[in-house]
């Protein structure tokens, strides 16, 4: 398997870091939001947000988090500055929002399918880099992503989806009225 030019994701130095937690938690109801990592915990198994309207916060007490599986359904997720290693990231049902509170690198091992209406880094005040070890697909329409995407697979943008930033991938497929607008975010360009 060949990697994209300039980014060797299969090298020993760039291997994906797995979560050591195999437990699972389902959040069917969220009252006031959930904050993870306040006690120093960095490893999580499956985190499933089954109810629209949940708010998930990651504590700034750690600069690295490892998650086996993360499912969002109409969830607002607030990421503190740092690195997030997510083996499987799933967007179900209602549109979700991912906010950044500082510069964030989001590493995802498996293919990512982003649901319609999802907003990723909508404020665009901090730098977000998505490093995908597989493909990334923006499904349907009205997805907005502000930041950089590096993918070792194909990035597909459909409908009226918009990426404000840059994309580096093996293949880029743009369908219908999708857009990629060159933009730089935050004060620091991250190194991978």
N, C-alpha and C. Protein backbone atom coordinates (compact mmCIF):
# COMPACT_ATOMS: atom_id res chain seq x y z
N UNK A 1 0.85 -1.19 0.00
CA UNK A 1 0.00 0.00 0.00
C UNK A 1 0.88 1.23 0.00
N UNK A 2 0.64 2.13 -0.94
CA UNK A 2 1.40 3.37 -1.01
C UNK A 2 0.71 4.44 -0.19
N UNK A 3 1.53 5.27 0.46
CA UNK A 3 0.99 6.39 1.21
C UNK A 3 0.99 7.63 0.34
N UNK A 4 0.26 8.65 0.78
CA UNK A 4 0.27 9.90 0.04
C UNK A 4 1.65 10.53 0.14
N UNK A 5 2.03 11.27 -0.86
CA UNK A 5 3.35 11.89 -0.90
C UNK A 5 3.57 12.78 0.30
N UNK A 6 4.72 12.59 0.94
CA UNK A 6 5.09 13.45 2.05
C UNK A 6 4.54 13.04 3.40
N UNK A 7 3.67 12.02 3.44
CA UNK A 7 3.09 11.59 4.71
C UNK A 7 2.98 10.07 4.70
N UNK A 8 3.95 9.41 5.33
CA UNK A 8 4.01 7.95 5.35
C UNK A 8 3.31 7.44 6.61
N UNK A 9 2.00 7.17 6.49
CA UNK A 9 1.22 6.74 7.65
C UNK A 9 1.51 5.31 8.06
N UNK A 10 2.18 4.54 7.22
CA UNK A 10 2.47 3.15 7.57
C UNK A 10 3.85 2.98 8.20
N UNK A 11 4.61 4.06 8.32
CA UNK A 11 5.94 3.95 8.91
C UNK A 11 5.84 3.71 10.42
N UNK A 12 6.89 3.20 10.98
CA UNK A 12 6.94 2.90 12.41
C UNK A 12 6.66 4.16 13.24
N UNK A 13 7.16 5.29 12.81
CA UNK A 13 6.98 6.54 13.56
C UNK A 13 5.56 7.10 13.48
N UNK A 14 4.78 6.66 12.50
CA UNK A 14 3.44 7.21 12.32
C UNK A 14 2.33 6.17 12.49
N UNK A 15 2.62 5.08 13.19
CA UNK A 15 1.58 4.06 13.38
C UNK A 15 0.45 4.62 14.25
N UNK A 16 -0.71 4.06 14.07
CA UNK A 16 -1.88 4.50 14.82
C UNK A 16 -1.78 4.00 16.27
N UNK A 17 -2.05 4.86 17.24
CA UNK A 17 -1.99 4.48 18.65
C UNK A 17 -3.38 4.06 19.11
N UNK A 18 -3.50 2.81 19.54
CA UNK A 18 -4.79 2.24 19.92
C UNK A 18 -5.14 2.53 21.37
N UNK A 19 -6.44 2.60 21.64
CA UNK A 19 -6.93 2.70 23.01
C UNK A 19 -6.75 1.34 23.68
N UNK A 20 -6.43 1.35 24.97
CA UNK A 20 -6.29 0.10 25.71
C UNK A 20 -7.56 -0.24 26.48
N UNK A 21 -8.58 0.61 26.39
CA UNK A 21 -9.84 0.40 27.10
C UNK A 21 -10.82 -0.35 26.20
N UNK A 22 -11.42 -1.39 26.71
CA UNK A 22 -12.38 -2.16 25.90
C UNK A 22 -13.81 -2.02 26.42
N UNK A 23 -14.03 -1.18 27.41
CA UNK A 23 -15.38 -1.00 27.96
C UNK A 23 -16.22 -0.15 27.02
N UNK A 24 -17.51 -0.11 27.26
CA UNK A 24 -18.40 0.69 26.45
C UNK A 24 -19.42 1.41 27.31
N UNK A 25 -19.76 2.63 26.90
CA UNK A 25 -20.75 3.43 27.62
C UNK A 25 -21.73 3.99 26.59
N UNK A 26 -23.03 3.80 26.86
CA UNK A 26 -24.08 4.38 26.03
C UNK A 26 -24.71 5.55 26.78
N UNK A 27 -24.79 6.68 26.11
CA UNK A 27 -25.43 7.85 26.69
C UNK A 27 -26.76 8.04 25.94
N UNK A 28 -27.84 7.57 26.56
CA UNK A 28 -29.15 7.70 25.94
C UNK A 28 -29.82 9.02 26.30
N UNK A 29 -29.34 9.66 27.35
CA UNK A 29 -29.87 10.93 27.81
C UNK A 29 -28.73 11.74 28.39
N UNK A 30 -28.66 13.00 28.07
CA UNK A 30 -27.60 13.85 28.60
C UNK A 30 -28.23 15.09 29.21
N UNK A 31 -28.06 15.26 30.50
CA UNK A 31 -28.56 16.45 31.18
C UNK A 31 -27.37 17.31 31.58
N UNK A 32 -27.18 18.42 30.90
CA UNK A 32 -26.11 19.35 31.26
C UNK A 32 -24.76 19.02 30.68
N UNK A 33 -24.62 17.95 29.97
CA UNK A 33 -23.37 17.62 29.32
C UNK A 33 -22.50 16.67 30.13
N UNK A 34 -21.50 16.13 29.45
CA UNK A 34 -20.58 15.16 30.03
C UNK A 34 -19.17 15.66 29.77
N UNK A 35 -18.33 15.60 30.79
CA UNK A 35 -16.93 15.97 30.63
C UNK A 35 -16.07 14.75 30.92
N UNK A 36 -15.21 14.42 29.96
CA UNK A 36 -14.31 13.29 30.10
C UNK A 36 -12.88 13.77 30.33
N UNK A 37 -12.13 13.01 31.11
CA UNK A 37 -10.72 13.29 31.33
C UNK A 37 -10.40 14.15 32.53
N UNK A 38 -11.40 14.53 33.32
CA UNK A 38 -11.13 15.40 34.48
C UNK A 38 -10.28 14.70 35.53
N UNK A 39 -10.40 13.38 35.63
CA UNK A 39 -9.62 12.62 36.60
C UNK A 39 -8.32 12.08 36.03
N UNK A 40 -7.93 12.56 34.87
CA UNK A 40 -6.70 12.12 34.24
C UNK A 40 -6.86 10.93 33.31
N UNK A 41 -8.08 10.39 33.17
CA UNK A 41 -8.29 9.26 32.28
C UNK A 41 -8.11 9.70 30.83
N UNK A 42 -7.31 8.91 30.08
CA UNK A 42 -7.04 9.22 28.69
C UNK A 42 -7.57 8.15 27.74
N UNK A 43 -7.80 6.95 28.22
CA UNK A 43 -8.22 5.82 27.39
C UNK A 43 -9.70 5.55 27.59
N UNK A 44 -10.42 5.41 26.47
CA UNK A 44 -11.85 5.13 26.52
C UNK A 44 -12.17 4.05 25.51
N UNK A 45 -13.13 3.19 25.84
CA UNK A 45 -13.61 2.15 24.92
C UNK A 45 -14.63 2.77 23.99
N UNK A 46 -15.82 2.21 23.94
CA UNK A 46 -16.88 2.72 23.08
C UNK A 46 -17.68 3.81 23.78
N UNK A 47 -17.82 4.95 23.14
CA UNK A 47 -18.64 6.06 23.63
C UNK A 47 -19.74 6.28 22.60
N UNK A 48 -20.98 5.96 22.98
CA UNK A 48 -22.11 6.05 22.06
C UNK A 48 -23.11 7.08 22.56
N UNK A 49 -23.31 8.12 21.78
CA UNK A 49 -24.27 9.17 22.11
C UNK A 49 -25.50 8.95 21.24
N UNK A 50 -26.53 8.36 21.85
CA UNK A 50 -27.72 7.93 21.12
C UNK A 50 -28.84 8.95 21.13
N UNK A 51 -28.67 10.03 21.86
CA UNK A 51 -29.72 11.01 22.00
C UNK A 51 -29.25 12.36 21.49
N UNK A 52 -30.00 12.95 20.60
CA UNK A 52 -29.68 14.27 20.09
C UNK A 52 -29.70 15.28 21.23
N UNK A 53 -28.78 16.22 21.20
CA UNK A 53 -28.74 17.27 22.21
C UNK A 53 -27.69 17.07 23.28
N UNK A 54 -26.92 16.00 23.21
CA UNK A 54 -25.86 15.77 24.20
C UNK A 54 -24.67 16.69 23.92
N UNK A 55 -24.00 17.11 24.99
CA UNK A 55 -22.76 17.87 24.87
C UNK A 55 -21.65 17.06 25.52
N UNK A 56 -20.60 16.80 24.75
CA UNK A 56 -19.44 16.05 25.22
C UNK A 56 -18.26 16.99 25.26
N UNK A 57 -17.66 17.13 26.44
CA UNK A 57 -16.48 17.98 26.62
C UNK A 57 -15.28 17.12 26.97
N UNK A 58 -14.13 17.45 26.42
CA UNK A 58 -12.88 16.81 26.82
C UNK A 58 -12.08 17.81 27.63
N UNK A 59 -11.65 17.36 28.81
CA UNK A 59 -10.94 18.20 29.75
C UNK A 59 -9.55 18.58 29.21
N UNK A 60 -9.09 19.80 29.51
CA UNK A 60 -7.74 20.19 29.12
C UNK A 60 -6.66 19.59 30.04
N UNK A 61 -7.06 18.71 30.99
CA UNK A 61 -6.10 18.10 31.90
C UNK A 61 -5.15 17.15 31.18
N UNK A 62 -5.50 16.72 29.98
CA UNK A 62 -4.65 15.84 29.19
C UNK A 62 -4.52 16.41 27.79
N UNK A 63 -3.38 16.18 27.16
CA UNK A 63 -3.20 16.65 25.79
C UNK A 63 -3.33 15.52 24.78
N UNK A 64 -3.61 14.28 25.27
CA UNK A 64 -3.83 13.15 24.38
C UNK A 64 -4.96 12.28 24.91
N UNK A 65 -5.84 11.86 23.98
CA UNK A 65 -6.95 10.96 24.31
C UNK A 65 -6.97 9.82 23.30
N UNK A 66 -7.34 8.62 23.77
CA UNK A 66 -7.40 7.42 22.94
C UNK A 66 -8.79 6.82 23.09
N UNK A 67 -9.49 6.66 21.97
CA UNK A 67 -10.88 6.21 22.00
C UNK A 67 -11.05 5.05 21.00
N UNK A 68 -11.62 3.95 21.48
CA UNK A 68 -11.84 2.79 20.62
C UNK A 68 -12.91 3.10 19.57
N UNK A 69 -14.06 3.60 20.01
CA UNK A 69 -15.17 3.87 19.10
C UNK A 69 -15.96 5.06 19.63
N UNK A 70 -16.28 6.00 18.75
CA UNK A 70 -17.04 7.20 19.13
C UNK A 70 -18.17 7.38 18.14
N UNK A 71 -19.43 7.34 18.65
CA UNK A 71 -20.61 7.52 17.82
C UNK A 71 -21.35 8.78 18.26
N UNK A 72 -21.56 9.70 17.32
CA UNK A 72 -22.24 10.96 17.60
C UNK A 72 -23.56 11.00 16.87
N UNK A 73 -24.60 11.50 17.55
CA UNK A 73 -25.94 11.62 16.96
C UNK A 73 -26.54 12.93 17.46
N UNK A 74 -26.36 14.01 16.71
CA UNK A 74 -26.86 15.30 17.15
C UNK A 74 -26.09 15.81 18.35
N UNK A 75 -24.85 15.38 18.47
CA UNK A 75 -24.00 15.69 19.63
C UNK A 75 -23.14 16.91 19.35
N UNK A 76 -22.95 17.74 20.39
CA UNK A 76 -21.96 18.81 20.33
C UNK A 76 -20.74 18.31 21.10
N UNK A 77 -19.60 18.24 20.43
CA UNK A 77 -18.38 17.76 21.05
C UNK A 77 -17.37 18.91 21.09
N UNK A 78 -16.87 19.21 22.29
CA UNK A 78 -15.90 20.28 22.49
C UNK A 78 -14.55 19.67 22.81
N UNK A 79 -13.59 19.85 21.90
CA UNK A 79 -12.26 19.27 22.05
C UNK A 79 -11.29 20.30 22.60
N UNK A 80 -10.67 19.98 23.74
CA UNK A 80 -9.59 20.82 24.27
C UNK A 80 -8.37 20.63 23.37
N UNK A 81 -7.42 21.55 23.43
CA UNK A 81 -6.21 21.45 22.62
C UNK A 81 -5.54 20.10 22.85
N UNK A 82 -5.06 19.47 21.77
CA UNK A 82 -4.34 18.22 21.92
C UNK A 82 -4.57 17.26 20.77
N UNK A 83 -4.16 16.01 21.00
CA UNK A 83 -4.28 14.94 20.02
C UNK A 83 -5.34 13.95 20.45
N UNK A 84 -6.18 13.53 19.50
CA UNK A 84 -7.27 12.59 19.75
C UNK A 84 -7.11 11.42 18.78
N UNK A 85 -6.92 10.23 19.33
CA UNK A 85 -6.75 9.01 18.53
C UNK A 85 -8.05 8.22 18.62
N UNK A 86 -8.81 8.18 17.52
CA UNK A 86 -10.13 7.53 17.50
C UNK A 86 -10.08 6.42 16.45
N UNK A 87 -10.27 5.17 16.89
CA UNK A 87 -10.22 4.06 15.93
C UNK A 87 -11.40 4.12 14.97
N UNK A 88 -12.61 4.34 15.51
CA UNK A 88 -13.80 4.37 14.68
C UNK A 88 -14.65 5.58 15.07
N UNK A 89 -14.89 6.48 14.11
CA UNK A 89 -15.70 7.68 14.34
C UNK A 89 -16.93 7.59 13.44
N UNK A 90 -18.12 7.57 14.08
CA UNK A 90 -19.38 7.40 13.36
C UNK A 90 -20.32 8.56 13.64
N UNK A 91 -20.94 9.08 12.59
CA UNK A 91 -21.96 10.12 12.71
C UNK A 91 -23.28 9.50 12.33
N UNK A 92 -24.23 9.43 13.27
CA UNK A 92 -25.56 8.85 13.02
C UNK A 92 -26.63 9.92 13.12
N UNK A 93 -27.68 9.76 12.36
CA UNK A 93 -28.89 10.57 12.53
C UNK A 93 -28.67 12.07 12.40
N UNK A 94 -29.00 12.78 13.47
CA UNK A 94 -28.99 14.24 13.47
C UNK A 94 -27.58 14.82 13.30
N UNK A 95 -27.52 16.03 12.76
CA UNK A 95 -26.24 16.72 12.54
C UNK A 95 -25.54 16.97 13.87
N UNK A 96 -24.24 16.78 13.88
CA UNK A 96 -23.42 17.02 15.08
C UNK A 96 -22.51 18.21 14.83
N UNK A 97 -21.94 18.73 15.92
CA UNK A 97 -20.99 19.84 15.85
C UNK A 97 -19.75 19.47 16.64
N UNK A 98 -18.59 19.69 16.04
CA UNK A 98 -17.32 19.48 16.73
C UNK A 98 -16.62 20.82 16.83
N UNK A 99 -16.46 21.32 18.06
CA UNK A 99 -15.78 22.59 18.32
C UNK A 99 -14.37 22.33 18.83
N UNK A 100 -13.45 23.24 18.54
CA UNK A 100 -12.09 23.13 19.06
C UNK A 100 -11.82 24.28 20.02
N UNK A 101 -11.23 23.94 21.15
CA UNK A 101 -10.83 24.94 22.15
C UNK A 101 -9.31 24.92 22.25
N UNK A 102 -8.66 25.29 21.16
CA UNK A 102 -7.21 25.21 21.03
C UNK A 102 -6.90 24.40 19.78
N UNK A 103 -5.63 24.30 19.43
CA UNK A 103 -5.23 23.56 18.24
C UNK A 103 -5.40 22.06 18.48
N UNK A 104 -6.03 21.38 17.53
CA UNK A 104 -6.40 19.97 17.70
C UNK A 104 -5.94 19.16 16.48
N UNK A 105 -5.39 17.96 16.78
CA UNK A 105 -5.14 16.96 15.73
C UNK A 105 -6.03 15.77 16.04
N UNK A 106 -6.84 15.37 15.05
CA UNK A 106 -7.78 14.27 15.20
C UNK A 106 -7.32 13.14 14.27
N UNK A 107 -6.81 12.06 14.87
CA UNK A 107 -6.33 10.90 14.12
C UNK A 107 -7.45 9.86 14.10
N UNK A 108 -7.84 9.37 12.91
CA UNK A 108 -8.91 8.39 12.80
C UNK A 108 -8.40 7.22 11.97
N UNK A 109 -8.51 6.01 12.54
CA UNK A 109 -7.99 4.81 11.88
C UNK A 109 -8.88 4.31 10.76
N UNK A 110 -10.18 4.16 11.01
CA UNK A 110 -11.10 3.58 10.03
C UNK A 110 -11.76 4.67 9.19
N UNK A 111 -12.41 4.26 8.11
CA UNK A 111 -13.08 5.20 7.22
C UNK A 111 -14.09 6.06 7.99
N UNK A 112 -14.19 7.32 7.61
CA UNK A 112 -15.09 8.27 8.28
C UNK A 112 -16.16 8.71 7.29
N UNK A 113 -17.43 8.62 7.71
CA UNK A 113 -18.56 9.11 6.93
C UNK A 113 -19.25 10.20 7.76
N UNK A 114 -19.16 11.42 7.29
CA UNK A 114 -19.71 12.56 8.03
C UNK A 114 -21.12 12.83 7.54
N UNK A 115 -22.09 12.85 8.48
CA UNK A 115 -23.49 13.03 8.16
C UNK A 115 -23.87 14.44 7.75
N UNK A 116 -24.99 14.55 7.07
CA UNK A 116 -25.52 15.80 6.57
C UNK A 116 -25.68 16.84 7.67
N UNK A 117 -25.25 18.07 7.38
CA UNK A 117 -25.43 19.18 8.30
C UNK A 117 -24.41 19.26 9.41
N UNK A 118 -23.49 18.32 9.49
CA UNK A 118 -22.48 18.33 10.55
C UNK A 118 -21.52 19.51 10.35
N UNK A 119 -21.18 20.16 11.43
CA UNK A 119 -20.27 21.32 11.43
C UNK A 119 -19.02 20.93 12.21
N UNK A 120 -17.87 20.99 11.56
CA UNK A 120 -16.61 20.63 12.20
C UNK A 120 -15.71 21.85 12.25
N UNK A 121 -15.41 22.28 13.47
CA UNK A 121 -14.63 23.50 13.74
C UNK A 121 -15.32 24.73 13.13
N UNK A 122 -16.61 24.92 13.42
CA UNK A 122 -17.37 25.99 12.76
C UNK A 122 -16.87 27.40 13.08
N UNK A 123 -16.30 27.61 14.27
CA UNK A 123 -15.81 28.94 14.63
C UNK A 123 -14.53 29.29 13.88
N UNK A 124 -13.75 28.26 13.51
CA UNK A 124 -12.51 28.43 12.75
C UNK A 124 -11.52 29.36 13.43
N UNK A 125 -11.55 29.42 14.76
CA UNK A 125 -10.61 30.28 15.48
C UNK A 125 -9.37 29.51 15.92
N UNK A 126 -9.43 28.17 15.90
CA UNK A 126 -8.30 27.33 16.25
C UNK A 126 -8.00 26.40 15.09
N UNK A 127 -6.82 25.82 15.13
CA UNK A 127 -6.39 24.97 14.03
C UNK A 127 -6.84 23.54 14.26
N UNK A 128 -7.47 22.92 13.26
CA UNK A 128 -7.88 21.52 13.31
C UNK A 128 -7.26 20.80 12.13
N UNK A 129 -6.61 19.68 12.44
CA UNK A 129 -6.07 18.81 11.40
C UNK A 129 -6.67 17.43 11.59
N UNK A 130 -7.31 16.90 10.55
CA UNK A 130 -7.84 15.54 10.54
C UNK A 130 -6.84 14.68 9.79
N UNK A 131 -6.26 13.70 10.48
CA UNK A 131 -5.35 12.74 9.86
C UNK A 131 -6.09 11.42 9.78
N UNK A 132 -6.51 11.04 8.57
CA UNK A 132 -7.31 9.84 8.37
C UNK A 132 -6.45 8.74 7.77
N UNK A 133 -6.41 7.60 8.42
CA UNK A 133 -5.64 6.46 7.94
C UNK A 133 -6.41 5.69 6.87
N UNK A 134 -7.60 6.13 6.55
CA UNK A 134 -8.46 5.52 5.55
C UNK A 134 -9.19 6.65 4.84
N UNK A 135 -10.32 6.38 4.22
CA UNK A 135 -11.05 7.38 3.46
C UNK A 135 -11.91 8.28 4.34
N UNK A 136 -12.29 9.44 3.77
CA UNK A 136 -13.19 10.39 4.42
C UNK A 136 -14.27 10.74 3.41
N UNK A 137 -15.55 10.62 3.84
CA UNK A 137 -16.67 10.96 2.96
C UNK A 137 -17.60 11.91 3.67
N UNK A 138 -17.89 13.04 3.01
CA UNK A 138 -18.91 13.96 3.49
C UNK A 138 -20.18 13.60 2.74
N UNK A 139 -21.14 13.03 3.45
CA UNK A 139 -22.38 12.55 2.84
C UNK A 139 -23.43 13.65 2.76
N UNK A 140 -24.27 13.56 1.78
CA UNK A 140 -25.43 14.44 1.63
C UNK A 140 -25.02 15.87 1.41
N UNK A 141 -25.39 16.77 2.34
CA UNK A 141 -25.14 18.18 2.08
C UNK A 141 -25.03 18.98 3.37
N UNK A 142 -24.58 20.20 3.20
CA UNK A 142 -24.47 21.19 4.27
C UNK A 142 -23.47 20.83 5.35
N UNK A 143 -22.48 20.00 5.04
CA UNK A 143 -21.38 19.76 5.96
C UNK A 143 -20.38 20.89 5.78
N UNK A 144 -19.89 21.45 6.91
CA UNK A 144 -18.84 22.46 6.85
C UNK A 144 -17.67 21.96 7.69
N UNK A 145 -16.48 21.95 7.10
CA UNK A 145 -15.25 21.54 7.78
C UNK A 145 -14.25 22.66 7.62
N UNK A 146 -13.77 23.22 8.74
CA UNK A 146 -12.76 24.27 8.72
C UNK A 146 -11.47 23.71 9.28
N UNK A 147 -10.49 23.51 8.42
CA UNK A 147 -9.21 22.96 8.84
C UNK A 147 -8.55 22.20 7.71
N UNK A 148 -7.56 21.37 8.06
CA UNK A 148 -6.82 20.59 7.07
C UNK A 148 -7.20 19.12 7.19
N UNK A 149 -7.23 18.44 6.05
CA UNK A 149 -7.49 17.01 6.01
C UNK A 149 -6.32 16.32 5.30
N UNK A 150 -5.75 15.34 5.97
CA UNK A 150 -4.76 14.44 5.37
C UNK A 150 -5.39 13.07 5.38
N UNK A 151 -5.50 12.43 4.21
CA UNK A 151 -6.13 11.12 4.15
C UNK A 151 -5.27 10.16 3.34
N UNK A 152 -5.09 8.96 3.90
CA UNK A 152 -4.34 7.93 3.19
C UNK A 152 -5.26 7.18 2.23
N UNK A 153 -6.48 7.67 2.06
CA UNK A 153 -7.44 7.08 1.13
C UNK A 153 -8.04 8.18 0.28
N UNK A 154 -9.29 7.99 -0.07
CA UNK A 154 -10.01 8.95 -0.91
C UNK A 154 -10.84 9.89 -0.03
N UNK A 155 -10.82 11.17 -0.36
CA UNK A 155 -11.71 12.14 0.28
C UNK A 155 -12.81 12.45 -0.74
N UNK A 156 -14.07 12.22 -0.32
CA UNK A 156 -15.22 12.48 -1.18
C UNK A 156 -16.09 13.56 -0.56
N UNK A 157 -16.39 14.60 -1.35
CA UNK A 157 -17.22 15.71 -0.88
C UNK A 157 -18.45 15.78 -1.77
N UNK A 158 -19.63 15.71 -1.16
CA UNK A 158 -20.88 15.64 -1.91
C UNK A 158 -21.77 16.86 -1.67
N UNK A 159 -22.79 16.98 -2.52
CA UNK A 159 -23.83 18.00 -2.31
C UNK A 159 -23.26 19.40 -2.21
N UNK A 160 -23.72 20.12 -1.20
CA UNK A 160 -23.26 21.49 -0.99
C UNK A 160 -22.27 21.55 0.19
N UNK A 161 -21.51 20.47 0.40
CA UNK A 161 -20.51 20.43 1.47
C UNK A 161 -19.36 21.37 1.16
N UNK A 162 -18.77 21.95 2.23
CA UNK A 162 -17.70 22.93 2.06
C UNK A 162 -16.54 22.58 2.99
N UNK A 163 -15.34 22.58 2.43
CA UNK A 163 -14.12 22.48 3.23
C UNK A 163 -13.40 23.81 3.07
N UNK A 164 -13.20 24.50 4.18
CA UNK A 164 -12.41 25.72 4.20
C UNK A 164 -11.08 25.35 4.83
N UNK A 165 -10.06 25.23 4.00
CA UNK A 165 -8.75 24.77 4.47
C UNK A 165 -8.02 24.12 3.33
N UNK A 166 -7.47 22.93 3.61
CA UNK A 166 -6.71 22.22 2.58
C UNK A 166 -6.93 20.73 2.71
N UNK A 167 -6.77 20.02 1.59
CA UNK A 167 -6.90 18.57 1.58
C UNK A 167 -5.69 17.97 0.89
N UNK A 168 -5.09 16.98 1.54
CA UNK A 168 -4.04 16.18 0.93
C UNK A 168 -4.50 14.74 1.04
N UNK A 169 -4.65 14.06 -0.10
CA UNK A 169 -5.17 12.69 -0.09
C UNK A 169 -4.68 11.96 -1.33
N UNK A 170 -4.90 10.64 -1.33
CA UNK A 170 -4.57 9.86 -2.53
C UNK A 170 -5.47 10.27 -3.69
N UNK A 171 -6.76 10.43 -3.39
CA UNK A 171 -7.75 10.82 -4.39
C UNK A 171 -8.71 11.82 -3.77
N UNK A 172 -9.18 12.74 -4.59
CA UNK A 172 -10.18 13.71 -4.16
C UNK A 172 -11.33 13.67 -5.16
N UNK A 173 -12.54 13.37 -4.65
CA UNK A 173 -13.74 13.37 -5.49
C UNK A 173 -14.67 14.47 -4.99
N UNK A 174 -15.03 15.37 -5.90
CA UNK A 174 -15.94 16.46 -5.56
C UNK A 174 -17.16 16.34 -6.45
N UNK A 175 -18.33 16.22 -5.83
CA UNK A 175 -19.57 16.04 -6.56
C UNK A 175 -20.51 17.22 -6.36
N UNK A 176 -21.34 17.47 -7.35
CA UNK A 176 -22.39 18.47 -7.30
C UNK A 176 -21.79 19.86 -7.04
N UNK A 177 -22.27 20.56 -6.01
CA UNK A 177 -21.83 21.93 -5.73
C UNK A 177 -20.83 22.01 -4.58
N UNK A 178 -20.12 20.93 -4.29
CA UNK A 178 -19.17 20.93 -3.18
C UNK A 178 -18.01 21.89 -3.47
N UNK A 179 -17.38 22.37 -2.37
CA UNK A 179 -16.32 23.37 -2.51
C UNK A 179 -15.16 23.06 -1.58
N UNK A 180 -13.95 23.41 -2.04
CA UNK A 180 -12.76 23.46 -1.18
C UNK A 180 -12.20 24.85 -1.35
N UNK A 181 -12.18 25.61 -0.26
CA UNK A 181 -11.68 26.98 -0.27
C UNK A 181 -10.38 27.03 0.51
N UNK A 182 -9.31 27.51 -0.12
CA UNK A 182 -8.01 27.59 0.53
C UNK A 182 -8.09 28.55 1.71
N UNK A 183 -7.68 28.08 2.88
CA UNK A 183 -7.71 28.92 4.08
C UNK A 183 -6.69 28.42 5.08
N UNK A 184 -6.19 29.31 5.91
CA UNK A 184 -5.27 28.98 6.99
C UNK A 184 -5.94 29.37 8.29
N UNK A 185 -5.85 28.51 9.31
CA UNK A 185 -6.51 28.75 10.59
C UNK A 185 -5.53 28.72 11.73
N UNK A 186 -5.82 29.49 12.77
CA UNK A 186 -5.00 29.48 13.96
C UNK A 186 -3.67 30.16 13.71
N UNK A 187 -2.85 30.21 14.76
CA UNK A 187 -1.58 30.91 14.68
C UNK A 187 -0.41 29.98 14.36
N UNK A 188 -0.64 28.65 14.42
CA UNK A 188 0.44 27.69 14.22
C UNK A 188 0.00 26.65 13.21
N UNK A 189 0.86 26.37 12.24
CA UNK A 189 0.59 25.28 11.33
C UNK A 189 1.17 24.03 11.97
N UNK A 190 0.33 23.02 12.23
CA UNK A 190 0.81 21.84 12.94
C UNK A 190 1.71 20.97 12.09
N UNK A 191 2.62 20.27 12.75
CA UNK A 191 3.44 19.29 12.05
C UNK A 191 2.92 17.91 12.37
N UNK A 192 2.95 17.04 11.41
CA UNK A 192 2.46 15.66 11.61
C UNK A 192 3.60 14.69 11.50
